[in-house]
Amino acid sequence: MPFTKTEVDIRTDYQLESVDPTWLAEAVRSPKHLMLDPEPCILCRACEDVCPWNCIFMLDPGIVQGTETEAQTAEAGEAYAIFVVDDNACTRCSVCVERCPSDCLYYARLPEDGGGQRQMAAVPASQRADET
């Protein structure tokens, strides 16, 4: 049976808050963080469904109220969904990485030049479920 994309229900009720980079560097159990390569993502939301800690969210880009650069604003405007991980709740159990059918989840250190901040993982609108 071939895989068929289906409509996804993107959450709009998540309260997005900035994480203090200093706190993140000191408080997180592991120096590695869950990352998403948005290009192969098929928006199946298997990672969100399988997470035992409920710390993975695919969010509506409309939640972005302001950004630091115009490039980030453009990225959010063109995205169909934004991938967010609650680093405080994530235990790095790897269940989501193993479950991902597109192999787009991985662990990595936060970029040194980003001040300890993760880049926004915006899934392109071209990968929206109702497009083939």
C-alpha atoms as a PDB file:
ATOM      1  CA  MET A   1       0.000   0.000   0.000  1.00  0.00           C
ATOM      2  CA  PRO A   2       1.607   3.332  -1.028  1.00  0.00           C
ATOM      3  CA  PHE A   3       2.002   6.142   1.510  1.00  0.00           C
ATOM      4  CA  THR A   4      -0.619   8.873   1.128  1.00  0.00           C
ATOM      5  CA  LYS A   5      -0.249  12.266   2.752  1.00  0.00           C
ATOM      6  CA  THR A   6      -3.233  13.331   4.817  1.00  0.00           C
ATOM      7  CA  GLU A   7      -4.370  16.649   6.228  1.00  0.00           C
ATOM      8  CA  VAL A   8      -2.653  17.590   9.470  1.00  0.00           C
ATOM      9  CA  ASP A   9      -4.117  19.527  12.350  1.00  0.00           C
ATOM     10  CA  ILE A  10      -1.485  22.080  13.359  1.00  0.00           C
ATOM     11  CA  ARG A  11      -1.815  23.235  16.968  1.00  0.00           C
ATOM     12  CA  THR A  12      -2.414  26.907  17.653  1.00  0.00           C
ATOM     13  CA  ASP A  13      -2.698  26.805  21.465  1.00  0.00           C
ATOM     14  CA  TYR A  14       0.976  26.459  22.462  1.00  0.00           C
ATOM     15  CA  GLN A  15       2.505  29.340  24.409  1.00  0.00           C
ATOM     16  CA  LEU A  16       5.888  29.981  22.830  1.00  0.00           C
ATOM     17  CA  GLU A  17       8.470  31.445  25.188  1.00  0.00           C
ATOM     18  CA  SER A  18      12.126  32.278  24.690  1.00  0.00           C
ATOM     19  CA  VAL A  19      14.620  30.135  26.547  1.00  0.00           C
ATOM     20  CA  ASP A  20      17.486  31.937  28.250  1.00  0.00           C
ATOM     21  CA  PRO A  21      20.665  30.631  26.512  1.00  0.00           C
ATOM     22  CA  THR A  22      22.620  30.762  29.796  1.00  0.00           C
ATOM     23  CA  TRP A  23      20.000  28.674  31.572  1.00  0.00           C
ATOM     24  CA  LEU A  24      19.860  26.266  28.637  1.00  0.00           C
ATOM     25  CA  ALA A  25      23.626  25.784  28.675  1.00  0.00           C
ATOM     26  CA  GLU A  26      23.644  25.061  32.422  1.00  0.00           C
ATOM     27  CA  ALA A  27      20.348  23.265  33.039  1.00  0.00           C
ATOM     28  CA  VAL A  28      20.005  20.814  30.178  1.00  0.00           C
ATOM     29  CA  ARG A  29      21.063  17.238  30.931  1.00  0.00           C
ATOM     30  CA  SER A  30      22.860  16.718  27.639  1.00  0.00           C
ATOM     31  CA  PRO A  31      24.908  19.059  25.456  1.00  0.00           C
ATOM     32  CA  LYS A  32      23.031  17.653  22.457  1.00  0.00           C
ATOM     33  CA  HIS A  33      19.581  18.762  21.429  1.00  0.00           C
ATOM     34  CA  LEU A  34      16.906  17.305  19.172  1.00  0.00           C
ATOM     35  CA  MET A  35      17.072  18.909  15.744  1.00  0.00           C
ATOM     36  CA  LEU A  36      14.932  18.677  12.627  1.00  0.00           C
ATOM     37  CA  ASP A  37      16.110  18.772   9.030  1.00  0.00           C
ATOM     38  CA  PRO A  38      12.916  20.287   7.547  1.00  0.00           C
ATOM     39  CA  GLU A  39      13.509  19.325   3.905  1.00  0.00           C
ATOM     40  CA  PRO A  40      12.705  15.576   4.179  1.00  0.00           C
ATOM     41  CA  CYS A  41       9.905  16.136   6.747  1.00  0.00           C
ATOM     42  CA  ILE A  42       6.545  14.858   5.482  1.00  0.00           C
ATOM     43  CA  LEU A  43       4.551  16.344   8.397  1.00  0.00           C
ATOM     44  CA  CYS A  44       3.344  12.928   9.515  1.00  0.00           C
ATOM     45  CA  ARG A  45       3.720  14.056  13.156  1.00  0.00           C
ATOM     46  CA  ALA A  46       4.866  10.586  14.218  1.00  0.00           C
ATOM     47  CA  CYS A  47       7.529  12.237  16.404  1.00  0.00           C
ATOM     48  CA  GLU A  48       4.878  14.259  18.204  1.00  0.00           C
ATOM     49  CA  ASP A  49       2.611  11.241  18.674  1.00  0.00           C
ATOM     50  CA  VAL A  50       5.300   8.843  19.929  1.00  0.00           C
ATOM     51  CA  CYS A  51       7.029  11.210  22.384  1.00  0.00           C
ATOM     52  CA  PRO A  52       6.506   9.783  25.902  1.00  0.00           C
ATOM     53  CA  TRP A  53       7.174  13.201  27.462  1.00  0.00           C
ATOM     54  CA  ASN A  54       4.893  15.249  25.165  1.00  0.00           C
ATOM     55  CA  CYS A  55       7.650  17.729  24.462  1.00  0.00           C
ATOM     56  CA  ILE A  56       7.503  17.873  20.631  1.00  0.00           C
ATOM     57  CA  PHE A  57       5.124  20.254  18.887  1.00  0.00           C
ATOM     58  CA  MET A  58       4.296  21.114  15.279  1.00  0.00           C
ATOM     59  CA  LEU A  59       2.983  24.646  15.569  1.00  0.00           C
ATOM     60  CA  ASP A  60       1.193  27.118  13.365  1.00  0.00           C
ATOM     61  CA  PRO A  61       3.667  29.777  12.094  1.00  0.00           C
ATOM     62  CA  GLY A  62       1.090  32.420  13.052  1.00  0.00           C
ATOM     63  CA  ILE A  63       2.357  32.215  16.627  1.00  0.00           C
ATOM     64  CA  VAL A  64       5.528  34.077  15.611  1.00  0.00           C
ATOM     65  CA  GLN A  65       4.958  37.621  16.833  1.00  0.00           C
ATOM     66  CA  GLY A  66       8.404  39.033  16.191  1.00  0.00           C
ATOM     67  CA  THR A  67      11.837  37.887  15.149  1.00  0.00           C
ATOM     68  CA  GLU A  68      15.384  39.178  15.413  1.00  0.00           C
ATOM     69  CA  THR A  69      15.998  39.330  11.663  1.00  0.00           C
ATOM     70  CA  GLU A  70      14.026  39.797   8.467  1.00  0.00           C
ATOM     71  CA  ALA A  71      15.257  36.379   7.295  1.00  0.00           C
ATOM     72  CA  GLN A  72      13.581  34.718  10.290  1.00  0.00           C
ATOM     73  CA  THR A  73      10.370  36.650   9.612  1.00  0.00           C
ATOM     74  CA  ALA A  74      10.422  35.475   5.988  1.00  0.00           C
ATOM     75  CA  GLU A  75      11.124  31.893   7.049  1.00  0.00           C
ATOM     76  CA  ALA A  76       8.157  31.893   9.433  1.00  0.00           C
ATOM     77  CA  GLY A  77       5.915  33.478   6.790  1.00  0.00           C
ATOM     78  CA  GLU A  78       6.728  30.795   4.225  1.00  0.00           C
ATOM     79  CA  ALA A  79       6.453  27.857   6.640  1.00  0.00           C
ATOM     80  CA  TYR A  80       3.488  25.513   6.961  1.00  0.00           C
ATOM     81  CA  ALA A  81       4.533  24.410  10.445  1.00  0.00           C
ATOM     82  CA  ILE A  82       7.243  25.179  12.972  1.00  0.00           C
ATOM     83  CA  PHE A  83       8.906  22.339  14.851  1.00  0.00           C
ATOM     84  CA  VAL A  84       9.420  23.092  18.553  1.00  0.00           C
ATOM     85  CA  VAL A  85      11.000  20.944  21.282  1.00  0.00           C
ATOM     86  CA  ASP A  86      10.584  21.675  24.981  1.00  0.00           C
ATOM     87  CA  ASP A  87      14.223  21.163  25.991  1.00  0.00           C
ATOM     88  CA  ASN A  88      13.273  21.224  29.654  1.00  0.00           C
ATOM     89  CA  ALA A  89      11.048  18.143  29.236  1.00  0.00           C
ATOM     90  CA  CYS A  90      13.078  16.244  26.622  1.00  0.00           C
ATOM     91  CA  THR A  91      15.091  13.369  28.100  1.00  0.00           C
ATOM     92  CA  ARG A  92      16.899  12.483  24.834  1.00  0.00           C
ATOM     93  CA  CYS A  93      15.292   9.031  24.865  1.00  0.00           C
ATOM     94  CA  SER A  94      15.538   8.838  21.024  1.00  0.00           C
ATOM     95  CA  VAL A  95      12.085   7.304  20.552  1.00  0.00           C
ATOM     96  CA  CYS A  96      11.155  10.083  18.121  1.00  0.00           C
ATOM     97  CA  VAL A  97      14.402   9.711  16.159  1.00  0.00           C
ATOM     98  CA  GLU A  98      13.801   5.986  15.759  1.00  0.00           C
ATOM     99  CA  ARG A  99      10.145   6.497  14.789  1.00  0.00           C
ATOM    100  CA  CYS A 100      10.673   9.178  12.122  1.00  0.00           C
ATOM    101  CA  PRO A 101       9.989   7.596   8.695  1.00  0.00           C
ATOM    102  CA  SER A 102      11.880  10.391   6.894  1.00  0.00           C
ATOM    103  CA  ASP A 103      15.063  10.289   8.994  1.00  0.00           C
ATOM    104  CA  CYS A 104      14.845  14.024   9.537  1.00  0.00           C
ATOM    105  CA  LEU A 105      15.353  14.034  13.322  1.00  0.00           C
ATOM    106  CA  TYR A 106      18.808  13.913  14.867  1.00  0.00           C
ATOM    107  CA  TYR A 107      20.784  15.076  17.897  1.00  0.00           C
ATOM    108  CA  ALA A 108      23.406  17.806  17.649  1.00  0.00           C
ATOM    109  CA  ARG A 109      25.092  20.491  19.681  1.00  0.00           C
ATOM    110  CA  LEU A 110      23.637  23.965  19.419  1.00  0.00           C
ATOM    111  CA  PRO A 111      25.599  26.188  17.029  1.00  0.00           C
ATOM    112  CA  GLU A 112      28.428  28.054  18.736  1.00  0.00           C
ATOM    113  CA  ASP A 113      27.784  31.209  16.697  1.00  0.00           C
ATOM    114  CA  GLY A 114      24.062  31.304  17.536  1.00  0.00           C
ATOM    115  CA  GLY A 115      24.608  32.269  21.150  1.00  0.00           C
ATOM    116  CA  GLY A 116      23.252  28.900  22.254  1.00  0.00           C
ATOM    117  CA  GLN A 117      20.001  29.348  20.362  1.00  0.00           C
ATOM    118  CA  ARG A 118      18.474  26.733  18.089  1.00  0.00           C
ATOM    119  CA  GLN A 119      17.527  27.787  14.577  1.00  0.00           C
ATOM    120  CA  MET A 120      13.836  27.753  13.805  1.00  0.00           C
ATOM    121  CA  ALA A 121      12.964  24.474  12.072  1.00  0.00           C
ATOM    122  CA  ALA A 122      10.329  25.684   9.663  1.00  0.00           C
ATOM    123  CA  VAL A 123       8.823  23.014   7.434  1.00  0.00           C
ATOM    124  CA  PRO A 124       8.275  24.487   3.949  1.00  0.00           C
ATOM    125  CA  ALA A 125       4.718  25.030   2.766  1.00  0.00           C
ATOM    126  CA  SER A 126       5.566  22.994  -0.339  1.00  0.00           C
ATOM    127  CA  GLN A 127       5.519  19.888   1.889  1.00  0.00           C
ATOM    128  CA  ARG A 128       2.008  20.563   3.113  1.00  0.00           C
ATOM    129  CA  ALA A 129      -0.048  17.373   3.291  1.00  0.00           C
ATOM    130  CA  ASP A 130      -2.643  18.370   0.689  1.00  0.00           C
ATOM    131  CA  GLU A 131      -0.010  18.941  -2.023  1.00  0.00           C
ATOM    132  CA  THR A 132       1.372  16.041  -4.036  1.00  0.00           C
END
